[in-house]
Amino acid sequence: MLVTIKIFYHLPEAEIAHSLLESYAIPSFLFGKELVALNYLKHTTMGEIRLQVPEEMVEESLKILGKNSG
């Protein structure tokens, strides 16, 4: 089962987080990415980009993202 660990409103930020997790061999998925990419200027009215990981990798993923934020 996939779990949403973070919500983004800007595609570049979502892709950076996704790539970071992938570099640690954590499979991650960006739900809503295609919808935002279709109409980037109106993405806030169309929804969010959800970063999702397998349930068993949530804790490790959050540590990695927290360690690399700011």
N, C-alpha and C. Protein backbone atom coordinates (compact mmCIF):
# COMPACT_ATOMS: atom_id res chain seq x y z
N MET A 1 0.84 -1.18 0.00
CA MET A 1 0.00 0.00 0.00
C MET A 1 0.89 1.24 0.00
N LEU A 2 0.50 2.22 -0.80
CA LEU A 2 1.25 3.48 -0.85
C LEU A 2 0.67 4.48 0.13
N VAL A 3 1.56 5.28 0.72
CA VAL A 3 1.18 6.29 1.70
C VAL A 3 1.70 7.64 1.23
N THR A 4 0.87 8.66 1.31
CA THR A 4 1.30 10.02 0.99
C THR A 4 2.10 10.57 2.15
N ILE A 5 3.34 10.97 1.89
CA ILE A 5 4.18 11.49 2.96
C ILE A 5 4.38 13.00 2.86
N LYS A 6 4.08 13.56 1.70
CA LYS A 6 4.23 15.01 1.54
C LYS A 6 3.39 15.47 0.36
N ILE A 7 2.88 16.68 0.47
CA ILE A 7 2.10 17.28 -0.62
C ILE A 7 2.84 18.51 -1.12
N PHE A 8 2.94 18.59 -2.44
CA PHE A 8 3.62 19.72 -3.08
C PHE A 8 2.64 20.47 -3.97
N TYR A 9 2.92 21.74 -4.16
CA TYR A 9 2.13 22.56 -5.07
C TYR A 9 2.95 23.02 -6.27
N HIS A 10 4.24 22.69 -6.27
CA HIS A 10 5.13 23.06 -7.37
C HIS A 10 5.86 21.81 -7.86
N LEU A 11 5.73 21.55 -9.13
CA LEU A 11 6.29 20.35 -9.74
C LEU A 11 7.80 20.21 -9.53
N PRO A 12 8.62 21.25 -9.71
CA PRO A 12 10.06 21.07 -9.52
C PRO A 12 10.43 20.60 -8.10
N GLU A 13 9.76 21.12 -7.08
CA GLU A 13 10.03 20.68 -5.70
C GLU A 13 9.67 19.22 -5.52
N ALA A 14 8.55 18.82 -6.08
CA ALA A 14 8.12 17.42 -5.98
C ALA A 14 9.12 16.50 -6.65
N GLU A 15 9.61 16.89 -7.80
CA GLU A 15 10.56 16.05 -8.53
C GLU A 15 11.90 15.94 -7.81
N ILE A 16 12.32 16.99 -7.12
CA ILE A 16 13.56 16.93 -6.35
C ILE A 16 13.42 15.92 -5.21
N ALA A 17 12.32 16.00 -4.48
CA ALA A 17 12.08 15.05 -3.38
C ALA A 17 12.00 13.62 -3.89
N HIS A 18 11.31 13.44 -4.99
CA HIS A 18 11.20 12.11 -5.62
C HIS A 18 12.58 11.57 -5.99
N SER A 19 13.39 12.39 -6.63
CA SER A 19 14.74 11.98 -7.03
C SER A 19 15.62 11.65 -5.83
N LEU A 20 15.49 12.44 -4.77
CA LEU A 20 16.26 12.20 -3.56
C LEU A 20 15.94 10.82 -2.99
N LEU A 21 14.67 10.51 -2.87
CA LEU A 21 14.29 9.19 -2.34
C LEU A 21 14.77 8.07 -3.26
N GLU A 22 14.65 8.26 -4.55
CA GLU A 22 15.11 7.25 -5.50
C GLU A 22 16.63 7.03 -5.37
N SER A 23 17.38 8.08 -5.04
CA SER A 23 18.83 7.94 -4.88
C SER A 23 19.18 7.09 -3.67
N TYR A 24 18.25 6.96 -2.72
CA TYR A 24 18.42 6.09 -1.55
C TYR A 24 17.74 4.74 -1.77
N ALA A 25 17.39 4.44 -3.00
CA ALA A 25 16.74 3.18 -3.38
C ALA A 25 15.37 3.00 -2.73
N ILE A 26 14.68 4.11 -2.51
CA ILE A 26 13.32 4.07 -1.99
C ILE A 26 12.38 4.37 -3.15
N PRO A 27 11.55 3.40 -3.52
CA PRO A 27 10.63 3.68 -4.61
C PRO A 27 9.62 4.74 -4.18
N SER A 28 9.42 5.72 -5.02
CA SER A 28 8.46 6.77 -4.71
C SER A 28 7.70 7.13 -5.97
N PHE A 29 6.53 7.70 -5.76
CA PHE A 29 5.63 8.00 -6.86
C PHE A 29 5.04 9.39 -6.66
N LEU A 30 4.86 10.11 -7.75
CA LEU A 30 4.27 11.44 -7.70
C LEU A 30 2.86 11.35 -8.28
N PHE A 31 1.89 11.27 -7.40
CA PHE A 31 0.50 11.19 -7.81
C PHE A 31 -0.02 12.60 -8.12
N GLY A 32 -0.54 12.78 -9.31
CA GLY A 32 -1.04 14.08 -9.73
C GLY A 32 -0.06 14.86 -10.59
N LYS A 33 1.12 14.31 -10.78
CA LYS A 33 2.16 15.01 -11.55
C LYS A 33 1.71 15.30 -12.98
N GLU A 34 1.08 14.34 -13.61
CA GLU A 34 0.68 14.51 -15.00
C GLU A 34 -0.38 15.61 -15.13
N LEU A 35 -1.29 15.66 -14.19
CA LEU A 35 -2.35 16.67 -14.24
C LEU A 35 -1.76 18.08 -14.12
N VAL A 36 -0.80 18.23 -13.22
CA VAL A 36 -0.15 19.53 -13.04
C VAL A 36 0.67 19.88 -14.27
N ALA A 37 1.36 18.91 -14.82
CA ALA A 37 2.21 19.16 -16.00
C ALA A 37 1.38 19.59 -17.21
N LEU A 38 0.15 19.11 -17.31
CA LEU A 38 -0.71 19.48 -18.43
C LEU A 38 -1.06 20.96 -18.43
N ASN A 39 -1.26 21.50 -17.24
CA ASN A 39 -1.65 22.90 -17.15
C ASN A 39 -0.97 23.52 -15.93
N TYR A 40 0.30 23.75 -16.04
CA TYR A 40 1.12 24.20 -14.92
C TYR A 40 0.63 25.52 -14.32
N LEU A 41 0.13 26.43 -15.13
CA LEU A 41 -0.28 27.73 -14.62
C LEU A 41 -1.53 27.68 -13.75
N LYS A 42 -2.33 26.65 -13.91
CA LYS A 42 -3.56 26.53 -13.14
C LYS A 42 -3.53 25.37 -12.15
N HIS A 43 -2.34 24.90 -11.81
CA HIS A 43 -2.23 23.69 -10.99
C HIS A 43 -2.86 23.84 -9.61
N THR A 44 -2.86 25.00 -9.02
CA THR A 44 -3.41 25.14 -7.68
C THR A 44 -4.92 24.95 -7.67
N THR A 45 -5.58 25.21 -8.77
CA THR A 45 -7.02 24.97 -8.83
C THR A 45 -7.33 23.53 -9.20
N MET A 46 -6.34 22.82 -9.69
CA MET A 46 -6.56 21.45 -10.16
C MET A 46 -6.13 20.42 -9.13
N GLY A 47 -5.43 20.79 -8.10
CA GLY A 47 -5.03 19.82 -7.11
C GLY A 47 -3.58 19.93 -6.72
N GLU A 48 -3.12 18.88 -6.12
CA GLU A 48 -1.79 18.85 -5.53
C GLU A 48 -1.01 17.68 -6.11
N ILE A 49 0.28 17.71 -5.86
CA ILE A 49 1.15 16.59 -6.22
C ILE A 49 1.47 15.86 -4.93
N ARG A 50 1.13 14.60 -4.87
CA ARG A 50 1.34 13.81 -3.65
C ARG A 50 2.54 12.89 -3.82
N LEU A 51 3.50 13.03 -2.93
CA LEU A 51 4.66 12.14 -2.92
C LEU A 51 4.28 10.92 -2.09
N GLN A 52 4.33 9.76 -2.72
CA GLN A 52 3.91 8.53 -2.06
C GLN A 52 5.02 7.50 -2.07
N VAL A 53 5.08 6.74 -0.97
CA VAL A 53 6.07 5.67 -0.82
C VAL A 53 5.35 4.44 -0.25
N PRO A 54 5.98 3.26 -0.37
CA PRO A 54 5.40 2.08 0.27
C PRO A 54 5.30 2.28 1.78
N GLU A 55 4.26 1.73 2.37
CA GLU A 55 3.97 1.91 3.79
C GLU A 55 5.16 1.56 4.68
N GLU A 56 5.88 0.52 4.34
CA GLU A 56 6.99 0.07 5.17
C GLU A 56 8.22 0.99 5.08
N MET A 57 8.19 1.96 4.19
CA MET A 57 9.33 2.86 4.01
C MET A 57 9.03 4.30 4.42
N VAL A 58 7.90 4.52 5.05
CA VAL A 58 7.48 5.87 5.42
C VAL A 58 8.47 6.52 6.37
N GLU A 59 8.82 5.84 7.44
CA GLU A 59 9.70 6.42 8.46
C GLU A 59 11.06 6.79 7.88
N GLU A 60 11.65 5.88 7.14
CA GLU A 60 12.97 6.14 6.53
C GLU A 60 12.89 7.30 5.53
N SER A 61 11.82 7.35 4.76
CA SER A 61 11.64 8.41 3.77
C SER A 61 11.54 9.77 4.44
N LEU A 62 10.77 9.86 5.50
CA LEU A 62 10.61 11.12 6.21
C LEU A 62 11.93 11.59 6.83
N LYS A 63 12.74 10.64 7.32
CA LYS A 63 14.05 11.00 7.86
C LYS A 63 14.94 11.58 6.77
N ILE A 64 14.94 10.95 5.62
CA ILE A 64 15.78 11.42 4.50
C ILE A 64 15.33 12.82 4.06
N LEU A 65 14.05 13.01 3.89
CA LEU A 65 13.55 14.31 3.45
C LEU A 65 13.80 15.38 4.51
N GLY A 66 13.64 15.02 5.77
CA GLY A 66 13.88 15.97 6.86
C GLY A 66 15.34 16.36 6.97
N LYS A 67 16.20 15.39 6.76
CA LYS A 67 17.65 15.61 6.84
C LYS A 67 18.13 16.52 5.72
N ASN A 68 17.43 16.50 4.61
CA ASN A 68 17.87 17.26 3.42
C ASN A 68 17.02 18.49 3.15
N SER A 69 16.21 18.90 4.11
CA SER A 69 15.40 20.11 3.89
C SER A 69 16.03 21.28 4.61
N GLY A 70 16.40 22.28 3.83
CA GLY A 70 16.95 23.50 4.39
C GLY A 70 18.21 23.26 5.06
